[in-house]
Amino acid sequence: MSNNIIVTIVHDNSEYDKSFVKLVKRYHDINLVSVESLSAEDFRRSLLIILQVNLTDPKTLRPLREKMLLPERTQVPVLFLLNEFSRREVVQANMLGATDYIAYPCPNAYFINIMGDLVSRTVEKTWSKLSHTQEMALKVSLKVLDDAFENAMNGEKLSHKELKNSCDLIIEATAKDGLTDWMNAIRQHHNYTYRHSMMVCGYLISFGMHFGVKKNDLQSLSLGGILHDISKAHTPLKILDKPAKLTADEWVIMRKHPVNSRIILAEGGWDQDLIDIAVHHHEKLDGTGYPDGLKGKQISDIARMTAIADVFSGLTDKRSYKPAMAPEKAMDIMLDMEGHLDIPLVKAFSSVIFSEEDKILVNQK
């Protein structure tokens, strides 16, 4: 995994609007440092450096120039938040080596997009450590997934050919090089919905390989993983990215996404197995799930498998309102979810996640 794991925010003693700090915390761990304490190690550890300082103050500029000349600085993008967006500020930011700069305060959505684009530059550098097959699969599939969500949001049909081809690349990469490096690279993507979709896809492919399913069935599983939350393209960002648990009313909206996915995929002419995954991955064996309240044998094996991959991904990924959970802890929780998850399948899923030694311990529960 890359050592670039945080966003470093550099500040001085000026009084500025610092609302953006909460936005950054939704997606990344942060490191708050002063200009004087900014170090080479901060550059090495950071996905992005954000500077909110007075670029017209010589007392700030002198030490900042020294820090920006550190060799490690060239490895990470730097975003300057400009107070007045004056010519003087712009010139200083460029002279200091700004990767980008924006006037701040600005709309939250604009800030998030700028931050996401810059973080992605760092993340993509880490992809070079992947095998050629893994890197190609990751780049192609994220682009195709982005297009799929954009099309769904605009009411346009999803491309069967592009999605299936990208899934074939993922299957090939997983077969050749395994799951671990792939997942480590995906975990650094800034968009949670994309990250979650790709992780569920990867888990389902490995799950299917564990059971020895045929290539066509692996493609169905991988497509199901990528598209299982496709209707979240219509879910308001204020709900998807809310930095707290959802209210009862917000949960009503969120729980509509399987039904909306049914509509999107059915109108797009997708196979019934894929629709089954998207619609029923929140069903529970005891009948208390949604949207159809299916129970026991009414829930297909592929929906049960997807439910397991979905829950595990959700538990082990960081969200704005919770830290990432250790895989061992997540598996313990899932093994106690009898009536919700298929426990024999959960134990089989542990074979995808853990080493042989760990699997023995999990399967004894």
Protein backbone atom coordinates (compact mmCIF):
# COMPACT_ATOMS: atom_id res chain seq x y z
CA MET A 1 0.00 0.00 0.00
CA SER A 2 1.17 3.51 -0.67
CA ASN A 3 2.64 5.52 2.19
CA ASN A 4 0.56 8.49 1.01
CA ILE A 5 -2.30 8.21 3.47
CA ILE A 6 -3.25 11.69 4.67
CA VAL A 7 -4.09 15.19 3.55
CA THR A 8 -1.85 17.78 5.18
CA ILE A 9 -3.33 21.23 5.82
CA VAL A 10 -0.80 24.03 6.30
CA HIS A 11 -1.90 27.15 8.18
CA ASP A 12 -0.54 30.32 9.74
CA ASN A 13 -1.99 32.62 12.39
CA SER A 14 -4.37 34.39 9.99
CA GLU A 15 -8.11 34.32 10.65
CA TYR A 16 -9.69 32.52 7.68
CA ASP A 17 -12.84 30.49 7.03
CA LYS A 18 -11.73 26.94 7.79
CA SER A 19 -14.99 25.15 6.97
CA PHE A 20 -13.16 23.14 4.32
CA VAL A 21 -11.40 21.15 7.06
CA LYS A 22 -14.65 19.32 7.84
CA LEU A 23 -15.08 18.54 4.14
CA VAL A 24 -11.61 17.03 3.94
CA LYS A 25 -12.32 14.90 7.03
CA ARG A 26 -15.25 13.28 5.23
CA TYR A 27 -12.83 11.55 2.89
CA HIS A 28 -9.37 11.49 4.44
CA ASP A 29 -7.40 11.55 7.65
CA ILE A 30 -5.84 14.99 8.07
CA ASN A 31 -2.62 16.42 9.43
CA LEU A 32 -2.72 20.06 10.59
CA VAL A 33 0.69 21.76 10.62
CA SER A 34 2.05 25.28 10.72
CA VAL A 35 4.27 26.69 8.00
CA GLU A 36 7.26 26.43 10.35
CA SER A 37 6.64 22.79 11.25
CA LEU A 38 5.93 21.56 7.69
CA SER A 39 8.51 18.83 7.02
CA ALA A 40 9.79 16.49 4.36
CA GLU A 41 7.99 13.66 6.16
CA ASP A 42 4.68 15.53 5.78
CA PHE A 43 5.22 15.63 2.02
CA ARG A 44 6.13 11.94 1.92
CA ARG A 45 3.01 10.88 3.84
CA SER A 46 0.49 13.09 2.05
CA LEU A 47 -1.92 12.50 -0.79
CA LEU A 48 -2.36 16.27 -1.00
CA ILE A 49 -1.04 19.43 0.66
CA ILE A 50 -3.56 22.25 1.20
CA LEU A 51 -2.13 25.66 2.05
CA GLN A 52 -4.27 28.38 3.62
CA VAL A 53 -1.79 31.10 4.48
CA ASN A 54 -1.25 34.82 3.96
CA LEU A 55 0.70 35.04 0.72
CA THR A 56 1.24 38.77 1.17
CA ASP A 57 3.08 38.40 4.49
CA PRO A 58 6.90 38.18 4.17
CA LYS A 59 7.09 36.40 7.55
CA THR A 60 5.04 33.57 6.05
CA LEU A 61 6.64 33.56 2.61
CA ARG A 62 10.25 33.19 3.73
CA PRO A 63 9.89 29.85 5.56
CA LEU A 64 7.30 28.62 3.05
CA ARG A 65 9.70 29.10 0.13
CA GLU A 66 12.27 26.94 1.92
CA LYS A 67 9.75 24.17 2.57
CA MET A 68 8.47 24.20 -1.01
CA LEU A 69 12.03 23.63 -2.27
CA LEU A 70 12.30 20.30 -0.46
CA PRO A 71 12.81 17.43 -2.96
CA GLU A 72 9.87 15.52 -1.44
CA ARG A 73 7.50 18.32 -2.42
CA THR A 74 7.62 17.27 -6.10
CA GLN A 75 5.90 13.97 -5.25
CA VAL A 76 2.63 15.48 -4.01
CA PRO A 77 0.16 18.03 -5.43
CA VAL A 78 -0.27 21.33 -3.59
CA LEU A 79 -3.53 23.29 -3.48
CA PHE A 80 -3.46 26.95 -2.43
CA LEU A 81 -6.61 28.52 -0.97
CA LEU A 82 -6.48 32.20 -1.90
CA ASN A 83 -8.17 34.79 0.26
CA GLU A 84 -8.62 37.63 -2.24
CA PHE A 85 -7.65 35.92 -5.52
CA SER A 86 -5.60 39.00 -6.32
CA ARG A 87 -2.90 39.05 -8.97
CA ARG A 88 -0.29 39.21 -6.22
CA GLU A 89 -1.64 36.06 -4.56
CA VAL A 90 -1.84 34.19 -7.86
CA VAL A 91 1.74 35.12 -8.78
CA GLN A 92 3.03 34.05 -5.35
CA ALA A 93 1.16 30.73 -5.52
CA ASN A 94 2.63 29.98 -8.95
CA MET A 95 6.14 30.96 -7.85
CA LEU A 96 5.82 28.61 -4.88
CA GLY A 97 4.93 25.72 -7.20
CA ALA A 98 1.16 25.48 -6.77
CA THR A 99 -0.40 22.53 -8.56
CA ASP A 100 -3.70 24.41 -8.41
CA TYR A 101 -5.29 27.30 -6.55
CA ILE A 102 -8.84 28.45 -5.85
CA ALA A 103 -10.52 31.35 -4.15
CA TYR A 104 -11.87 30.28 -0.78
CA PRO A 105 -14.60 30.27 0.54
CA CYS A 106 -16.21 28.51 -2.42
CA PRO A 107 -19.14 26.06 -2.90
CA ASN A 108 -18.57 22.73 -1.15
CA ALA A 109 -19.16 20.69 -4.31
CA TYR A 110 -16.53 22.68 -6.18
CA PHE A 111 -13.99 22.24 -3.39
CA ILE A 112 -14.65 18.49 -3.21
CA ASN A 113 -14.17 18.11 -6.97
CA ILE A 114 -10.89 20.04 -6.95
CA MET A 115 -9.61 18.06 -3.98
CA GLY A 116 -10.69 14.75 -5.53
CA ASP A 117 -8.94 15.49 -8.82
CA LEU A 118 -5.69 16.38 -7.08
CA VAL A 119 -5.79 13.37 -4.76
CA SER A 120 -6.38 11.15 -7.79
CA ARG A 121 -3.10 12.36 -9.29
CA THR A 122 -1.23 11.00 -6.28
CA VAL A 123 -3.26 7.82 -6.19
CA GLU A 124 -2.60 7.09 -9.85
CA LYS A 125 1.14 7.28 -9.17
CA THR A 126 0.73 4.41 -6.72
CA TRP A 127 -0.95 2.35 -9.43
CA SER A 128 2.39 2.07 -11.20
CA LYS A 129 3.34 -0.39 -8.45
CA LEU A 130 0.60 -2.71 -9.64
CA SER A 131 1.14 -5.28 -12.36
CA HIS A 132 0.38 -4.07 -15.87
CA THR A 133 -2.82 -6.14 -15.89
CA GLN A 134 -3.98 -4.72 -12.55
CA GLU A 135 -3.18 -1.14 -13.50
CA MET A 136 -4.99 -1.43 -16.83
CA ALA A 137 -8.02 -3.05 -15.20
CA LEU A 138 -8.19 -0.35 -12.54
CA LYS A 139 -7.87 2.60 -14.91
CA VAL A 140 -10.36 1.23 -17.44
CA SER A 141 -12.94 0.08 -14.89
CA LEU A 142 -12.96 3.35 -12.92
CA LYS A 143 -13.48 5.31 -16.16
CA VAL A 144 -16.26 2.95 -17.25
CA LEU A 145 -17.86 3.09 -13.80
CA ASP A 146 -17.71 6.88 -13.83
CA ASP A 147 -19.42 6.91 -17.22
CA ALA A 148 -22.05 4.44 -16.01
CA PHE A 149 -23.02 6.61 -13.04
CA GLU A 150 -23.04 9.70 -15.24
CA ASN A 151 -25.33 7.98 -17.74
CA ALA A 152 -27.62 6.72 -14.99
CA MET A 153 -27.83 10.21 -13.51
CA ASN A 154 -28.78 11.63 -16.93
CA GLY A 155 -31.33 8.91 -17.69
CA GLU A 156 -29.18 7.40 -20.45
CA LYS A 157 -28.57 3.69 -21.03
CA LEU A 158 -25.45 2.00 -19.67
CA SER A 159 -22.99 0.52 -22.14
CA HIS A 160 -23.18 -3.28 -21.98
CA LYS A 161 -20.01 -3.71 -24.05
CA GLU A 162 -17.81 -1.32 -22.07
CA LEU A 163 -18.94 -2.62 -18.69
CA LYS A 164 -18.51 -6.27 -19.67
CA ASN A 165 -15.06 -5.62 -21.16
CA SER A 166 -13.93 -3.81 -18.01
CA CYS A 167 -15.17 -6.70 -15.86
CA ASP A 168 -13.21 -9.15 -18.00
CA LEU A 169 -10.07 -7.09 -17.28
CA ILE A 170 -10.79 -7.21 -13.54
CA ILE A 171 -11.33 -10.97 -13.66
CA GLU A 172 -8.04 -11.45 -15.53
CA ALA A 173 -6.15 -9.22 -13.07
CA THR A 174 -7.59 -11.04 -10.06
CA ALA A 175 -6.82 -14.46 -11.54
CA LYS A 176 -3.21 -13.50 -12.32
CA ASP A 177 -2.25 -11.32 -9.38
CA GLY A 178 -4.79 -11.84 -6.59
CA LEU A 179 -6.92 -9.38 -4.68
CA THR A 180 -4.75 -7.61 -2.11
CA ASP A 181 -2.87 -5.03 -4.18
CA TRP A 182 -6.01 -4.31 -6.19
CA MET A 183 -7.98 -3.55 -3.04
CA ASN A 184 -5.21 -1.43 -1.55
CA ALA A 185 -5.20 0.75 -4.67
CA ILE A 186 -9.00 1.06 -4.74
CA ARG A 187 -9.17 2.08 -1.07
CA GLN A 188 -7.38 5.32 -1.93
CA HIS A 189 -10.04 6.51 -4.39
CA HIS A 190 -11.74 9.62 -3.02
CA ASN A 191 -15.32 8.81 -4.09
CA TYR A 192 -16.92 6.39 -1.61
CA THR A 193 -19.65 5.11 -3.96
CA TYR A 194 -17.13 4.24 -6.69
CA ARG A 195 -14.73 2.78 -4.13
CA HIS A 196 -17.44 0.63 -2.59
CA SER A 197 -18.70 -0.60 -5.98
CA MET A 198 -15.21 -1.62 -7.09
CA MET A 199 -14.48 -3.34 -3.78
CA VAL A 200 -17.72 -5.35 -3.87
CA CYS A 201 -16.88 -6.29 -7.46
CA GLY A 202 -13.43 -7.54 -6.43
CA TYR A 203 -14.78 -9.50 -3.47
CA LEU A 204 -17.45 -11.16 -5.60
CA ILE A 205 -14.94 -12.20 -8.27
CA SER A 206 -12.70 -13.81 -5.66
CA PHE A 207 -15.76 -15.33 -3.97
CA GLY A 208 -16.80 -16.86 -7.29
CA MET A 209 -13.28 -18.14 -7.99
CA HIS A 210 -13.31 -19.80 -4.57
CA PHE A 211 -16.38 -21.78 -5.64
CA GLY A 212 -14.94 -22.48 -9.10
CA VAL A 213 -17.70 -20.75 -11.06
CA LYS A 214 -17.38 -20.45 -14.85
CA LYS A 215 -16.09 -17.32 -16.58
CA ASN A 216 -19.55 -16.21 -17.74
CA ASP A 217 -20.83 -16.47 -14.18
CA LEU A 218 -17.78 -14.56 -12.92
CA GLN A 219 -18.65 -11.80 -15.36
CA SER A 220 -22.20 -11.69 -13.97
CA LEU A 221 -20.84 -11.45 -10.42
CA SER A 222 -18.39 -8.70 -11.33
CA LEU A 223 -21.06 -6.73 -13.19
CA GLY A 224 -23.33 -7.17 -10.19
CA GLY A 225 -20.65 -5.77 -7.90
CA ILE A 226 -20.00 -2.74 -10.06
CA LEU A 227 -23.67 -1.95 -10.65
CA HIS A 228 -25.27 -3.09 -7.39
CA ASP A 229 -25.65 0.54 -6.22
CA ILE A 230 -26.12 2.15 -9.64
CA SER A 231 -29.25 4.08 -8.64
CA LYS A 232 -27.24 5.96 -6.01
CA ALA A 233 -26.46 8.19 -8.99
CA HIS A 234 -29.86 9.71 -8.14
CA THR A 235 -29.38 9.84 -4.37
CA PRO A 236 -28.62 13.38 -3.13
CA LEU A 237 -24.95 13.92 -2.29
CA LYS A 238 -25.95 15.48 1.02
CA ILE A 239 -27.20 12.02 2.01
CA LEU A 240 -24.47 9.92 0.37
CA ASP A 241 -21.68 12.08 1.82
CA LYS A 242 -23.35 13.07 5.07
CA PRO A 243 -20.70 13.24 7.84
CA ALA A 244 -23.05 11.60 10.35
CA LYS A 245 -25.57 8.78 10.59
CA LEU A 246 -28.72 9.24 8.52
CA THR A 247 -32.00 10.40 10.00
CA ALA A 248 -35.16 8.32 9.68
CA ASP A 249 -36.37 10.43 6.74
CA GLU A 250 -33.00 10.16 5.01
CA TRP A 251 -33.07 6.39 5.43
CA VAL A 252 -36.44 6.31 3.62
CA ILE A 253 -34.73 7.94 0.64
CA MET A 254 -31.66 5.72 0.87
CA ARG A 255 -33.73 2.52 1.04
CA LYS A 256 -35.28 3.36 -2.33
CA HIS A 257 -32.06 2.69 -4.21
CA PRO A 258 -32.64 -1.07 -4.83
CA VAL A 259 -36.06 -0.36 -6.38
CA ASN A 260 -34.63 2.42 -8.51
CA SER A 261 -31.79 0.12 -9.60
CA ARG A 262 -34.39 -2.40 -10.74
CA ILE A 263 -35.90 0.24 -13.00
CA ILE A 264 -32.56 1.41 -14.44
CA LEU A 265 -31.28 -2.10 -15.17
CA ALA A 266 -34.58 -3.53 -16.45
CA GLU A 267 -35.03 -0.62 -18.86
CA GLY A 268 -31.43 -1.12 -19.97
CA GLY A 269 -32.04 -4.77 -20.92
CA TRP A 270 -29.69 -6.29 -18.33
CA ASP A 271 -29.84 -9.96 -17.32
CA GLN A 272 -32.11 -11.02 -14.48
CA ASP A 273 -29.19 -12.25 -12.36
CA LEU A 274 -27.65 -8.78 -12.44
CA ILE A 275 -31.00 -7.21 -11.52
CA ASP A 276 -31.37 -9.73 -8.70
CA ILE A 277 -28.01 -8.67 -7.24
CA ALA A 278 -28.81 -4.96 -7.43
CA VAL A 279 -32.33 -5.27 -6.03
CA HIS A 280 -31.92 -7.91 -3.33
CA HIS A 281 -28.49 -7.43 -1.72
CA HIS A 282 -30.21 -5.81 1.30
CA GLU A 283 -32.65 -8.68 1.89
CA LYS A 284 -32.23 -10.69 5.11
CA LEU A 285 -32.80 -14.37 5.68
CA ASP A 286 -35.34 -13.67 8.42
CA GLY A 287 -37.45 -11.53 6.08
CA THR A 288 -36.69 -8.16 7.71
CA GLY A 289 -34.66 -6.83 4.79
CA TYR A 290 -35.73 -4.62 1.88
CA PRO A 291 -37.14 -3.85 -0.65
CA ASP A 292 -39.22 -7.02 -1.10
CA GLY A 293 -39.00 -8.61 2.34
CA LEU A 294 -37.72 -11.89 0.88
CA LYS A 295 -37.10 -14.72 3.33
CA GLY A 296 -34.93 -17.85 3.42
CA LYS A 297 -34.85 -19.73 0.13
CA GLN A 298 -36.53 -16.82 -1.64
CA ILE A 299 -33.13 -15.10 -1.58
CA SER A 300 -30.81 -16.38 -4.30
CA ASP A 301 -27.23 -17.48 -3.71
CA ILE A 302 -25.84 -14.55 -5.72
CA ALA A 303 -27.88 -12.06 -3.67
CA ARG A 304 -26.61 -13.71 -0.47
CA MET A 305 -23.02 -13.52 -1.70
CA THR A 306 -23.43 -9.87 -2.62
CA ALA A 307 -24.94 -9.07 0.77
CA ILE A 308 -21.82 -10.51 2.42
CA ALA A 309 -19.43 -8.58 0.15
CA ASP A 310 -21.49 -5.42 0.64
CA VAL A 311 -21.50 -5.64 4.45
CA PHE A 312 -17.80 -6.49 4.65
CA SER A 313 -16.86 -3.61 2.37
CA GLY A 314 -19.03 -1.23 4.37
CA LEU A 315 -17.53 -2.29 7.70
CA THR A 316 -13.89 -2.21 6.62
CA ASP A 317 -13.98 1.04 4.65
CA LYS A 318 -13.62 4.44 6.26
CA ARG A 319 -16.63 6.73 6.19
CA SER A 320 -17.08 10.34 7.20
CA TYR A 321 -18.75 9.22 10.44
CA LYS A 322 -16.59 6.20 11.35
CA PRO A 323 -13.05 4.82 10.97
CA ALA A 324 -12.26 1.69 9.00
CA MET A 325 -12.77 -1.55 10.93
CA ALA A 326 -10.15 -4.28 11.03
CA PRO A 327 -11.10 -7.26 8.81
CA GLU A 328 -10.95 -9.65 11.79
CA LYS A 329 -13.41 -7.51 13.76
CA ALA A 330 -15.71 -7.17 10.75
CA MET A 331 -15.75 -10.93 10.26
CA ASP A 332 -16.58 -11.50 13.94
CA ILE A 333 -19.54 -9.14 13.61
CA MET A 334 -20.73 -10.83 10.42
CA LEU A 335 -20.52 -14.30 11.99
CA ASP A 336 -22.96 -13.03 14.64
CA MET A 337 -25.45 -11.83 11.98
CA GLU A 338 -27.42 -15.07 11.79
CA GLY A 339 -30.86 -14.35 10.41
CA HIS A 340 -29.38 -11.59 8.30
CA LEU A 341 -26.47 -13.22 6.46
CA ASP A 342 -25.93 -16.80 5.29
CA ILE A 343 -23.41 -17.92 7.92
CA PRO A 344 -21.96 -20.90 5.97
CA LEU A 345 -21.31 -18.48 3.10
CA VAL A 346 -19.76 -15.98 5.50
CA LYS A 347 -17.34 -18.69 6.62
CA ALA A 348 -16.54 -19.47 2.98
CA PHE A 349 -16.01 -15.77 2.35
CA SER A 350 -13.33 -15.76 5.04
CA SER A 351 -11.29 -17.91 2.65
CA VAL A 352 -11.22 -14.97 0.25
CA ILE A 353 -10.10 -12.53 2.95
CA PHE A 354 -7.69 -14.33 5.25
CA SER A 355 -4.65 -16.57 5.09
CA GLU A 356 -5.01 -20.31 5.58
CA GLU A 357 -4.09 -20.00 9.27
CA ASP A 358 -6.68 -17.28 9.85
CA LYS A 359 -9.35 -19.26 8.00
CA ILE A 360 -9.02 -22.13 10.45
CA LEU A 361 -9.71 -19.80 13.38
CA VAL A 362 -12.71 -18.17 11.68
CA ASN A 363 -14.28 -21.44 10.61
CA GLN A 364 -14.16 -22.76 14.19
CA LYS A 365 -16.67 -20.11 15.32
